[in-house]
Amino acid sequence: MADGNEKALTMMAGTTLTVGDLFRASAVIRKSSVAIEYQGRQVSYGQLLDRVNRATSMLVDQGLRRGDRVALLSRNRPEYLEVELAAANLGVITACLNWRLSQKELAYCIDLVSPKLLIIEEELAGDFELSPAGDPRIVKIGPQYEDMLQAQDGHAPRIAAESEDGLVILYTSGTTGLPKGAVISHRAMITRALVFGSELSISHRDAFVAWAPLFHMASTDQSLATLLRGGTVIVVDGFQVEPLLSALERHRIGWFVLIPGMIEAFIAGFKAQNPTIKGVGLCGAMADLVPPHVIAEVTNLLRAPYVNSFGSTETGLPPATRSLIPLGEIPTSLAKQQSAFCDIKLVDSGDNEVPIGAPGELAIRSPTLFSGYWKADETNARDFRGGWFHMGDVFRRNDDGSLDFVDRAKYMIKSGGENVYPAEIERVLMSDAGITEAAVVRVPDAKWGEVPVAFVSRRDTTVTEASLLALCRRDLAGYKCPRQFRFIDFSEFPRSTSGKVQRHELEARLAGERQRTNS
């Protein structure tokens, strides 16, 4: 009897679902529904399933097996999702390459994962060269890719993947050193898909506009989640106002993603065309990095609340993407609500939990969590210590349970023995409606060790250094006030692919100026 129970439990443990299983089930029951729209062309679920089956067989013909990697270098297009889904069937991991990187950076990302196959968009292949160490076979998206798909018979291949197998590798935009490859499993991606519905009420009737790069979690997570639910993914190659407005006119969008650095341009385009939109459930992302008056304006235009999000490539929507900013509200607080399906704690440098109101690094456990960084044992041991993933982000827990984001721990400025968090200063600066962007960085100081310096873009010259200093002195302790304000154009702020200002580049700019002055 005991042997029978053990066998039954083993069988149950082996019935875990994968992305390939769920996409196939979704496609079979919705075969006539539109799965993908791209440049005026519609692809039904039945058509997409056929192409995914053919792509799966093509990968097998190329010698790929469970655990292998396929590197994908492409702009946003339907083939991107085909490759991810085909690889998912086999338990092959898709390494999603950032085509904006330099040749040296790309070579590093490819060599890191040792792919057997590189699938590259034909237009990107002309200037691309593999490093001497890289030796994968190459397939070009275009006529070659299409011929290889049509050579297959389209039968449904056996799904070889298991739930803890890697699905995709998404490269984090490291602020120092080279990118790390975060491995997202089938289990994590499926749970992330469920969390979109549970936390943000996104349904199978809602469409998603994949305009952010598909090598980024903002589009890959939501696109795959949408296809598993049975919705429509409108694929757009980057931020383009016309296609975005067209999608808003033709579809109900569950979550219309907007990221820092492009919202004001979108607002201008929206006002110029004044479209009649079909409906938006939610909009925005990363409210901490957007001027409050801009949040109020865009929510009024889209008639949708703003998502006060805090997640990451490594965690998905958790740990704190549950609260919404109401229509037209200029937020004075960006306190966040902890997401469901995760357990978090705030800890000090010794990993002891901090009391309510004290800043501490956020550590998380969740089924949405990634599996670790590829070939980074030392980093994984440090970041997953004690069975928790330590994010490197500092929060304060309030009495009501809400969470205030303080800053990335590595950005903290140590000034005269006091901890100064740049994000706190940036929020004060962006409360001025004349400010379009602000970034605070550290510079060495002979007396205080480090002091903050603010880079600011403004709408007009009525915003002055004196007015900003007065604003900071009103809302901040004296030691937190920037020692200098640098006015630069909005376009001069260096940004990551997710729209975040890259502070390390601004710090390097100041360091270069000091070096030239002292030489």
Protein backbone atom coordinates (compact mmCIF):
# COMPACT_ATOMS: atom_id res chain seq x y z
CA MET A 1 0.00 0.00 0.00
CA ALA A 2 2.86 2.34 0.82
CA ASP A 3 4.48 1.58 -2.52
CA GLY A 4 1.22 2.41 -4.29
CA ASN A 5 0.93 5.76 -2.51
CA GLU A 6 4.50 6.66 -3.38
CA LYS A 7 3.87 5.83 -7.03
CA ALA A 8 0.69 7.93 -7.07
CA LEU A 9 2.49 10.90 -5.53
CA THR A 10 5.29 10.58 -8.08
CA MET A 11 2.77 10.59 -10.92
CA MET A 12 1.05 13.67 -9.50
CA ALA A 13 4.35 15.50 -9.14
CA GLY A 14 5.09 14.84 -12.81
CA THR A 15 1.89 16.45 -14.08
CA THR A 16 3.13 20.01 -13.83
CA LEU A 17 2.07 22.37 -16.59
CA THR A 18 4.36 24.34 -18.88
CA VAL A 19 3.94 27.39 -21.09
CA GLY A 20 3.79 25.09 -24.12
CA ASP A 21 0.94 23.04 -22.60
CA LEU A 22 -1.12 26.12 -21.77
CA PHE A 23 -0.55 27.89 -25.08
CA ARG A 24 -1.56 24.78 -27.00
CA ALA A 25 -4.74 24.44 -24.93
CA SER A 26 -5.56 28.12 -25.44
CA ALA A 27 -4.93 27.94 -29.20
CA VAL A 28 -7.05 24.82 -29.74
CA ILE A 29 -10.18 26.31 -28.16
CA ARG A 30 -9.67 29.78 -29.69
CA LYS A 31 -8.28 28.84 -33.08
CA SER A 32 -10.37 31.43 -34.97
CA SER A 33 -9.65 34.29 -32.56
CA VAL A 34 -6.94 36.84 -33.26
CA ALA A 35 -3.73 36.04 -31.39
CA ILE A 36 -1.38 38.67 -32.86
CA GLU A 37 -1.77 41.88 -34.82
CA TYR A 38 1.26 43.35 -36.57
CA GLN A 39 1.39 46.16 -39.11
CA GLY A 40 -2.20 45.61 -40.25
CA ARG A 41 -1.85 41.81 -40.44
CA GLN A 42 -3.81 39.47 -38.16
CA VAL A 43 -2.65 36.02 -37.07
CA SER A 44 -5.27 33.70 -35.62
CA TYR A 45 -4.57 31.30 -32.78
CA GLY A 46 -4.87 28.40 -35.23
CA GLN A 47 -2.33 29.96 -37.56
CA LEU A 48 0.01 30.81 -34.71
CA LEU A 49 -0.18 27.27 -33.33
CA ASP A 50 0.72 25.88 -36.75
CA ARG A 51 3.72 28.20 -37.02
CA VAL A 52 4.84 27.40 -33.47
CA ASN A 53 4.62 23.67 -34.24
CA ARG A 54 6.72 24.16 -37.37
CA ALA A 55 9.23 26.31 -35.51
CA THR A 56 9.49 23.63 -32.83
CA SER A 57 10.32 21.00 -35.46
CA MET A 58 12.81 23.38 -37.06
CA LEU A 59 14.62 23.77 -33.72
CA VAL A 60 14.75 19.97 -33.39
CA ASP A 61 16.25 19.73 -36.88
CA GLN A 62 18.89 22.21 -35.78
CA GLY A 63 19.89 19.85 -33.00
CA LEU A 64 18.34 21.68 -30.03
CA ARG A 65 17.26 19.61 -27.06
CA ARG A 66 15.96 20.24 -23.55
CA GLY A 67 18.33 22.49 -21.60
CA ASP A 68 19.96 24.02 -24.70
CA ARG A 69 19.80 27.74 -25.45
CA VAL A 70 18.66 29.61 -28.55
CA ALA A 71 19.77 33.25 -28.74
CA LEU A 72 17.24 35.64 -30.30
CA LEU A 73 18.25 39.02 -31.72
CA SER A 74 15.27 40.83 -33.19
CA ARG A 75 13.10 43.89 -32.96
CA ASN A 76 9.45 43.44 -31.99
CA ARG A 77 7.70 41.20 -34.53
CA PRO A 78 5.47 38.08 -34.38
CA GLU A 79 8.38 35.72 -35.02
CA TYR A 80 9.79 36.72 -31.63
CA LEU A 81 6.85 35.14 -29.81
CA GLU A 82 6.88 32.14 -32.18
CA VAL A 83 10.47 31.36 -31.25
CA GLU A 84 9.82 31.74 -27.51
CA LEU A 85 6.81 29.41 -27.69
CA ALA A 86 8.58 26.87 -29.91
CA ALA A 87 11.59 26.75 -27.60
CA ALA A 88 9.19 26.40 -24.65
CA ASN A 89 7.85 23.14 -26.11
CA LEU A 90 11.32 21.61 -26.06
CA GLY A 91 12.55 22.90 -22.73
CA VAL A 92 15.01 25.07 -24.67
CA ILE A 93 15.76 28.48 -23.14
CA THR A 94 15.40 31.60 -25.30
CA ALA A 95 18.11 34.16 -24.52
CA CYS A 96 16.49 37.48 -25.43
CA LEU A 97 19.24 39.76 -26.72
CA ASN A 98 19.12 43.54 -26.62
CA TRP A 99 19.75 44.64 -30.22
CA ARG A 100 20.64 48.13 -28.99
CA LEU A 101 23.85 46.90 -27.35
CA SER A 102 27.29 47.36 -28.85
CA GLN A 103 28.98 44.49 -30.67
CA LYS A 104 31.20 43.88 -27.64
CA GLU A 105 28.25 43.77 -25.25
CA LEU A 106 26.27 41.47 -27.55
CA ALA A 107 29.21 39.13 -27.92
CA TYR A 108 29.44 38.93 -24.13
CA CYS A 109 25.71 38.14 -23.75
CA ILE A 110 25.90 35.44 -26.43
CA ASP A 111 29.09 33.84 -25.08
CA LEU A 112 27.59 33.82 -21.57
CA VAL A 113 24.79 31.41 -22.54
CA SER A 114 26.64 29.34 -25.22
CA PRO A 115 23.66 28.98 -27.57
CA LYS A 116 23.48 26.23 -30.18
CA LEU A 117 21.51 28.51 -32.49
CA LEU A 118 21.29 32.25 -33.08
CA ILE A 119 18.07 33.50 -34.68
CA ILE A 120 18.60 37.02 -35.94
CA GLU A 121 16.41 39.50 -37.76
CA GLU A 122 17.72 39.85 -41.31
CA GLU A 123 18.01 43.64 -41.07
CA LEU A 124 20.17 43.33 -37.96
CA ALA A 125 22.44 40.67 -39.42
CA GLY A 126 24.32 42.99 -41.78
CA ASP A 127 26.35 44.74 -39.08
CA PHE A 128 26.50 41.82 -36.70
CA GLU A 129 29.66 39.78 -36.09
CA LEU A 130 30.10 36.86 -33.74
CA SER A 131 33.03 36.98 -31.37
CA PRO A 132 35.80 34.45 -32.03
CA ALA A 133 34.53 32.37 -29.11
CA GLY A 134 30.98 32.21 -30.43
CA ASP A 135 30.11 29.41 -32.85
CA PRO A 136 26.32 28.90 -32.98
CA ARG A 137 24.54 28.22 -36.22
CA ILE A 138 22.66 31.25 -37.54
CA VAL A 139 19.11 31.49 -38.92
CA LYS A 140 17.92 34.81 -40.32
CA ILE A 141 14.33 35.94 -39.77
CA GLY A 142 13.11 36.58 -43.31
CA PRO A 143 13.04 34.26 -46.34
CA GLN A 144 15.43 31.75 -44.75
CA TYR A 145 13.31 31.42 -41.59
CA GLU A 146 10.09 31.13 -43.62
CA ASP A 147 11.56 28.44 -45.91
CA MET A 148 12.71 26.43 -42.89
CA LEU A 149 9.24 26.61 -41.32
CA GLN A 150 7.48 25.60 -44.52
CA ALA A 151 9.78 22.59 -44.85
CA GLN A 152 8.19 21.15 -41.69
CA ASP A 153 4.94 19.17 -41.70
CA GLY A 154 3.28 21.15 -38.90
CA HIS A 155 2.43 18.17 -36.69
CA ALA A 156 2.09 18.84 -32.98
CA PRO A 157 5.43 17.92 -31.37
CA ARG A 158 5.74 16.27 -27.99
CA ILE A 159 6.21 18.81 -25.21
CA ALA A 160 9.48 17.90 -23.50
CA ALA A 161 9.72 20.80 -21.04
CA GLU A 162 9.05 20.64 -17.32
CA SER A 163 7.79 23.43 -15.11
CA GLU A 164 11.13 24.33 -13.49
CA ASP A 165 12.97 24.41 -16.81
CA GLY A 166 14.19 27.79 -17.93
CA LEU A 167 11.85 29.50 -20.39
CA VAL A 168 13.68 32.75 -21.17
CA ILE A 169 16.84 34.53 -20.15
CA LEU A 170 16.28 38.27 -19.78
CA TYR A 171 19.39 40.36 -19.36
CA THR A 172 19.30 42.88 -16.56
CA SER A 173 20.55 46.37 -17.36
CA GLY A 174 23.32 46.44 -14.79
CA THR A 175 24.42 49.87 -13.63
CA THR A 176 27.94 48.60 -13.10
CA GLY A 177 29.76 45.86 -14.94
CA LEU A 178 28.20 43.64 -17.60
CA PRO A 179 24.55 42.48 -17.81
CA LYS A 180 23.41 39.45 -15.83
CA GLY A 181 21.17 36.82 -17.42
CA ALA A 182 18.07 36.25 -15.28
CA VAL A 183 16.54 32.80 -15.91
CA ILE A 184 12.72 32.85 -15.83
CA SER A 185 11.18 29.38 -15.56
CA HIS A 186 7.88 28.07 -16.91
CA ARG A 187 6.60 28.00 -13.33
CA ALA A 188 7.50 31.64 -12.78
CA MET A 189 5.99 32.81 -16.08
CA ILE A 190 2.72 30.93 -15.55
CA THR A 191 2.39 32.35 -12.04
CA ARG A 192 3.13 35.84 -13.36
CA ALA A 193 0.32 35.38 -15.88
CA LEU A 194 -2.08 34.47 -13.07
CA VAL A 195 -0.95 37.45 -10.98
CA PHE A 196 -1.82 39.87 -13.83
CA GLY A 197 -5.41 38.73 -13.48
CA SER A 198 -5.55 38.47 -9.72
CA GLU A 199 -3.79 41.73 -8.89
CA LEU A 200 -4.84 43.96 -11.80
CA SER A 201 -8.09 42.33 -12.99
CA ILE A 202 -6.80 41.78 -16.54
CA SER A 203 -9.07 39.30 -18.34
CA HIS A 204 -8.96 37.11 -21.46
CA ARG A 205 -11.04 39.75 -23.24
CA ASP A 206 -8.31 42.38 -22.81
CA ALA A 207 -5.65 43.03 -25.43
CA PHE A 208 -2.05 44.02 -24.80
CA VAL A 209 0.14 46.39 -26.82
CA ALA A 210 3.69 45.04 -26.95
CA TRP A 211 5.54 48.20 -27.92
CA ALA A 212 8.31 48.05 -25.31
CA PRO A 213 11.17 45.76 -26.43
CA LEU A 214 10.33 42.08 -26.27
CA PHE A 215 13.74 41.47 -24.74
CA HIS A 216 12.34 43.27 -21.67
CA MET A 217 9.95 41.85 -19.07
CA ALA A 218 7.38 44.61 -19.73
CA SER A 219 6.52 43.04 -23.09
CA THR A 220 7.61 39.40 -22.83
CA ASP A 221 5.77 38.73 -19.54
CA GLN A 222 2.56 40.39 -20.67
CA SER A 223 2.63 39.04 -24.24
CA LEU A 224 3.01 35.44 -23.12
CA ALA A 225 0.41 35.94 -20.37
CA THR A 226 -2.03 37.35 -22.93
CA LEU A 227 -1.53 34.38 -25.27
CA LEU A 228 -2.03 31.92 -22.42
CA ARG A 229 -5.31 33.67 -21.54
CA GLY A 230 -6.52 33.85 -25.15
CA GLY A 231 -6.30 37.61 -25.71
CA THR A 232 -4.81 39.61 -28.59
CA VAL A 233 -1.23 40.91 -28.61
CA ILE A 234 -0.73 44.01 -30.78
CA VAL A 235 2.97 43.98 -31.67
CA VAL A 236 4.50 47.42 -32.28
CA ASP A 237 8.18 47.98 -32.96
CA GLY A 238 9.04 50.51 -30.29
CA PHE A 239 7.44 53.75 -29.17
CA GLN A 240 5.42 55.11 -32.10
CA VAL A 241 2.48 57.39 -31.35
CA GLU A 242 0.37 56.54 -34.43
CA PRO A 243 0.27 52.73 -33.95
CA LEU A 244 -0.33 53.14 -30.22
CA LEU A 245 -3.29 55.45 -30.76
CA SER A 246 -4.65 53.12 -33.45
CA ALA A 247 -4.49 50.18 -31.03
CA LEU A 248 -6.31 52.22 -28.39
CA GLU A 249 -9.08 53.04 -30.87
CA ARG A 250 -9.59 49.42 -31.97
CA HIS A 251 -9.09 47.38 -28.79
CA ARG A 252 -9.88 47.38 -25.12
CA ILE A 253 -6.45 47.35 -23.51
CA GLY A 254 -6.10 45.74 -20.09
CA TRP A 255 -2.86 47.45 -19.09
CA PHE A 256 -1.50 50.14 -21.38
CA VAL A 257 2.16 50.29 -20.39
CA LEU A 258 3.78 53.71 -20.27
CA ILE A 259 7.33 54.16 -19.03
CA PRO A 260 9.38 57.18 -17.94
CA GLY A 261 10.92 59.14 -20.76
CA MET A 262 8.05 58.72 -23.24
CA ILE A 263 4.87 59.72 -21.40
CA GLU A 264 4.98 63.43 -22.22
CA ALA A 265 5.56 62.66 -25.93
CA PHE A 266 2.57 60.31 -25.82
CA ILE A 267 0.43 62.98 -24.15
CA ALA A 268 1.37 65.50 -26.87
CA GLY A 269 0.47 63.02 -29.62
CA PHE A 270 -2.80 62.11 -27.93
CA LYS A 271 -3.83 65.75 -27.62
CA ALA A 272 -2.94 66.46 -31.23
CA GLN A 273 -5.13 63.63 -32.56
CA ASN A 274 -7.81 63.44 -29.85
CA PRO A 275 -8.70 59.78 -30.56
CA THR A 276 -11.84 58.01 -29.40
CA ILE A 277 -10.44 55.10 -27.43
CA LYS A 278 -12.24 51.83 -26.86
CA GLY A 279 -11.23 51.48 -23.22
CA VAL A 280 -8.22 51.12 -20.97
CA GLY A 281 -8.24 49.24 -17.69
CA LEU A 282 -4.96 50.55 -16.31
CA CYS A 283 -2.06 52.63 -17.53
CA GLY A 284 1.49 53.55 -16.66
CA ALA A 285 4.28 51.99 -14.60
CA MET A 286 7.08 53.07 -12.25
CA ALA A 287 5.21 56.02 -10.77
CA ASP A 288 8.20 56.93 -8.60
CA LEU A 289 10.06 58.04 -11.74
CA VAL A 290 7.28 60.14 -13.29
CA PRO A 291 6.40 63.76 -12.34
CA PRO A 292 3.12 63.70 -10.35
CA HIS A 293 1.39 66.26 -12.60
CA VAL A 294 2.16 64.06 -15.63
CA ILE A 295 0.49 61.09 -13.91
CA ALA A 296 -2.63 63.19 -13.34
CA GLU A 297 -2.72 64.35 -16.97
CA VAL A 298 -2.29 60.97 -18.63
CA THR A 299 -4.87 59.26 -16.39
CA ASN A 300 -7.40 61.93 -17.34
CA LEU A 301 -6.69 61.42 -21.05
CA LEU A 302 -6.93 57.62 -20.93
CA ARG A 303 -9.70 57.55 -18.31
CA ALA A 304 -7.73 54.90 -16.46
CA PRO A 305 -5.91 54.75 -13.11
CA TYR A 306 -2.13 54.67 -13.00
CA VAL A 307 -0.37 51.51 -11.81
CA ASN A 308 1.81 52.35 -8.82
CA SER A 309 4.11 49.46 -9.62
CA PHE A 310 7.17 47.98 -8.05
CA GLY A 311 8.50 44.74 -9.50
CA SER A 312 11.55 43.61 -11.40
CA THR A 313 12.82 41.24 -14.07
CA GLU A 314 13.68 38.85 -11.27
CA THR A 315 10.34 39.00 -9.41
CA GLY A 316 7.63 39.89 -11.91
CA LEU A 317 4.84 42.14 -10.60
CA PRO A 318 5.56 41.43 -6.91
CA PRO A 319 6.60 42.58 -4.41
CA ALA A 320 4.42 45.71 -4.51
CA THR A 321 2.23 46.26 -7.57
CA ARG A 322 -1.23 46.36 -6.09
CA SER A 323 -2.13 50.01 -5.55
CA LEU A 324 -3.52 52.36 -8.19
CA ILE A 325 -3.43 56.15 -8.51
CA PRO A 326 -6.97 57.44 -9.28
CA LEU A 327 -7.89 59.46 -12.39
CA GLY A 328 -6.67 63.03 -12.35
CA GLU A 329 -5.01 62.80 -8.97
CA ILE A 330 -1.66 64.49 -8.43
CA PRO A 331 -0.23 62.00 -5.95
CA THR A 332 1.39 63.37 -2.83
CA SER A 333 2.28 59.90 -1.61
CA LEU A 334 3.44 56.90 -3.62
CA ALA A 335 3.06 54.36 -0.81
CA LYS A 336 2.65 50.89 -2.31
CA GLN A 337 0.60 47.87 -1.36
CA GLN A 338 2.29 44.51 -1.03
CA SER A 339 1.28 42.09 -3.79
CA ALA A 340 -0.45 38.81 -3.07
CA PHE A 341 1.35 35.50 -3.64
CA CYS A 342 4.57 36.71 -2.11
CA ASP A 343 6.19 36.94 1.30
CA ILE A 344 8.51 39.85 2.00
CA LYS A 345 10.59 41.23 4.83
CA LEU A 346 12.77 44.32 5.26
CA VAL A 347 16.22 43.67 6.67
CA ASP A 348 19.32 45.55 7.79
CA SER A 349 22.89 44.84 6.71
CA GLY A 350 22.97 41.83 9.05
CA ASP A 351 19.72 40.40 7.57
CA ASN A 352 17.79 41.19 10.75
CA GLU A 353 14.25 42.46 10.23
CA VAL A 354 13.94 46.20 10.82
CA PRO A 355 11.11 47.79 12.86
CA ILE A 356 8.15 49.63 11.35
CA GLY A 357 9.26 52.95 9.87
CA ALA A 358 12.95 52.01 9.55
CA PRO A 359 14.56 51.61 6.11
CA GLY A 360 15.56 48.08 5.17
CA GLU A 361 16.47 46.05 2.09
CA LEU A 362 13.52 44.11 0.69
CA ALA A 363 13.82 40.31 0.60
CA ILE A 364 11.16 38.21 -1.11
CA ARG A 365 9.89 34.66 -1.55
CA SER A 366 7.34 34.05 -4.30
CA PRO A 367 6.41 31.53 -7.02
CA THR A 368 6.87 34.38 -9.54
CA LEU A 369 10.56 34.53 -8.63
CA PHE A 370 13.23 33.79 -11.20
CA SER A 371 15.57 30.79 -10.88
CA GLY A 372 18.82 32.72 -10.57
CA TYR A 373 21.40 34.37 -12.81
CA TRP A 374 23.01 32.25 -15.51
CA LYS A 375 26.53 31.13 -14.62
CA ALA A 376 26.72 33.41 -11.57
CA ASP A 377 27.09 31.08 -8.59
CA GLU A 378 28.70 33.65 -6.32
CA THR A 379 26.03 36.28 -7.05
CA ASN A 380 23.24 33.74 -6.61
CA ALA A 381 24.64 32.56 -3.26
CA ARG A 382 24.74 36.16 -2.04
CA ASP A 383 21.36 37.29 -3.37
CA PHE A 384 19.44 34.14 -2.35
CA ARG A 385 21.01 33.82 1.11
CA GLY A 386 18.80 32.37 3.80
CA GLY A 387 16.20 31.20 1.29
CA TRP A 388 15.13 34.74 0.37
CA PHE A 389 15.94 36.77 -2.75
CA HIS A 390 17.47 40.08 -1.67
CA MET A 391 16.49 42.72 -4.22
CA GLY A 392 18.89 45.51 -3.31
CA ASP A 393 15.96 47.94 -2.95
CA VAL A 394 15.34 49.83 0.28
CA PHE A 395 11.79 50.35 1.63
CA ARG A 396 10.06 51.52 4.79
CA ARG A 397 7.01 49.71 6.15
CA ASN A 398 4.31 52.09 7.41
CA ASP A 399 1.93 51.48 10.32
CA ASP A 400 -0.90 50.66 7.89
CA GLY A 401 1.19 47.99 6.16
CA SER A 402 1.93 50.05 3.05
CA LEU A 403 5.46 50.36 1.71
CA ASP A 404 7.43 53.48 0.83
CA PHE A 405 10.19 53.02 -1.73
CA VAL A 406 13.36 54.69 -0.49
CA ASP A 407 15.95 53.88 -3.16
CA ARG A 408 18.33 51.31 -4.53
CA ALA A 409 20.79 50.48 -1.75
CA LYS A 410 23.74 50.97 -4.09
CA TYR A 411 22.69 54.56 -4.86
CA MET A 412 22.75 55.65 -1.23
CA ILE A 413 24.91 58.72 -0.56
CA LYS A 414 26.86 58.77 2.69
CA SER A 415 27.15 62.46 3.58
CA GLY A 416 28.71 63.43 6.90
CA GLY A 417 27.68 60.09 8.40
CA GLU A 418 24.04 60.51 7.30
CA ASN A 419 22.27 58.28 4.77
CA VAL A 420 20.91 60.28 1.81
CA TYR A 421 18.69 58.51 -0.73
CA PRO A 422 18.59 60.16 -4.18
CA ALA A 423 15.03 59.02 -4.94
CA GLU A 424 13.72 61.00 -1.98
CA ILE A 425 15.28 64.20 -3.35
CA GLU A 426 14.08 63.43 -6.89
CA ARG A 427 10.48 63.10 -5.71
CA VAL A 428 10.65 66.56 -4.13
CA LEU A 429 12.13 68.09 -7.28
CA MET A 430 9.54 66.49 -9.56
CA SER A 431 6.72 67.85 -7.43
CA ASP A 432 7.45 71.16 -9.18
CA ALA A 433 5.25 71.26 -12.31
CA GLY A 434 8.05 73.05 -14.15
CA ILE A 435 10.32 70.01 -13.89
CA THR A 436 10.19 67.29 -16.54
CA GLU A 437 12.98 65.07 -15.17
CA ALA A 438 15.36 64.94 -12.22
CA ALA A 439 18.21 62.64 -11.26
CA VAL A 440 20.38 62.97 -8.17
CA VAL A 441 23.88 61.52 -8.05
CA ARG A 442 26.77 61.54 -5.59
CA VAL A 443 30.09 63.34 -5.91
CA PRO A 444 33.10 63.13 -3.60
CA ASP A 445 33.47 65.95 -1.09
CA ALA A 446 36.54 66.73 1.04
CA LYS A 447 34.48 67.73 4.07
CA TRP A 448 31.40 65.49 3.97
CA GLY A 449 32.72 62.45 2.08
CA GLU A 450 29.90 62.55 -0.49
CA VAL A 451 27.27 65.13 -1.38
CA PRO A 452 24.23 65.08 -3.73
CA VAL A 453 24.18 66.88 -7.08
CA ALA A 454 20.94 67.17 -9.08
CA PHE A 455 20.55 66.99 -12.86
CA VAL A 456 17.29 68.66 -13.86
CA SER A 457 15.35 69.35 -17.05
CA ARG A 458 12.79 72.16 -16.96
CA ARG A 459 9.96 73.48 -19.07
CA ASP A 460 11.19 77.07 -18.95
CA THR A 461 13.72 79.31 -17.20
CA THR A 462 11.28 80.35 -14.47
CA VAL A 463 12.61 77.29 -12.66
CA THR A 464 15.93 78.39 -11.18
CA GLU A 465 18.57 76.97 -8.89
CA ALA A 466 17.33 79.31 -6.17
CA SER A 467 13.71 78.15 -6.51
CA LEU A 468 14.69 74.47 -6.44
CA LEU A 469 16.94 74.95 -3.44
CA ALA A 470 14.09 76.69 -1.62
CA LEU A 471 11.78 73.78 -2.48
CA CYS A 472 14.29 71.26 -1.16
CA ARG A 473 14.93 73.25 2.03
CA ARG A 474 11.19 73.34 2.64
CA ASP A 475 10.68 69.58 2.31
CA LEU A 476 14.04 68.03 3.16
CA ALA A 477 16.64 68.10 5.91
CA GLY A 478 19.51 70.44 5.13
CA TYR A 479 22.08 67.67 4.60
CA LYS A 480 19.84 66.13 1.89
CA CYS A 481 19.67 69.29 -0.23
CA PRO A 482 21.72 69.14 -3.46
CA ARG A 483 24.92 71.13 -3.38
CA GLN A 484 24.57 71.91 -7.07
CA PHE A 485 21.90 71.86 -9.79
CA ARG A 486 22.80 71.01 -13.38
CA PHE A 487 20.19 72.02 -15.97
CA ILE A 488 20.23 69.77 -19.04
CA ASP A 489 17.79 68.94 -21.82
CA PHE A 490 15.28 66.13 -21.26
CA SER A 491 16.85 64.19 -24.13
CA GLU A 492 20.28 64.30 -22.49
CA PHE A 493 19.30 61.96 -19.66
CA PRO A 494 20.87 58.54 -20.36
CA ARG A 495 18.24 55.82 -20.02
CA SER A 496 17.98 52.07 -19.85
CA THR A 497 15.58 50.21 -22.12
CA SER A 498 12.96 50.41 -19.34
CA GLY A 499 13.18 54.21 -19.29
CA LYS A 500 15.09 54.49 -16.02
CA VAL A 501 17.74 57.21 -15.84
CA GLN A 502 21.19 55.65 -15.59
CA ARG A 503 22.72 57.53 -12.70
CA HIS A 504 26.13 55.93 -13.12
CA GLU A 505 26.54 57.64 -16.50
CA LEU A 506 25.79 61.03 -14.97
CA GLU A 507 28.27 60.32 -12.19
CA ALA A 508 30.87 59.40 -14.82
CA ARG A 509 30.18 62.69 -16.59
CA LEU A 510 30.92 64.64 -13.42
CA ALA A 511 34.01 62.54 -12.72
CA GLY A 512 35.31 63.34 -16.21
CA GLU A 513 34.77 67.05 -15.62
CA ARG A 514 36.70 66.89 -12.33
CA GLN A 515 39.53 65.01 -13.99
CA ARG A 516 39.84 67.57 -16.77
CA THR A 517 39.77 70.41 -14.23
CA ASN A 518 42.53 68.85 -12.14
CA SER A 519 44.78 67.89 -15.08
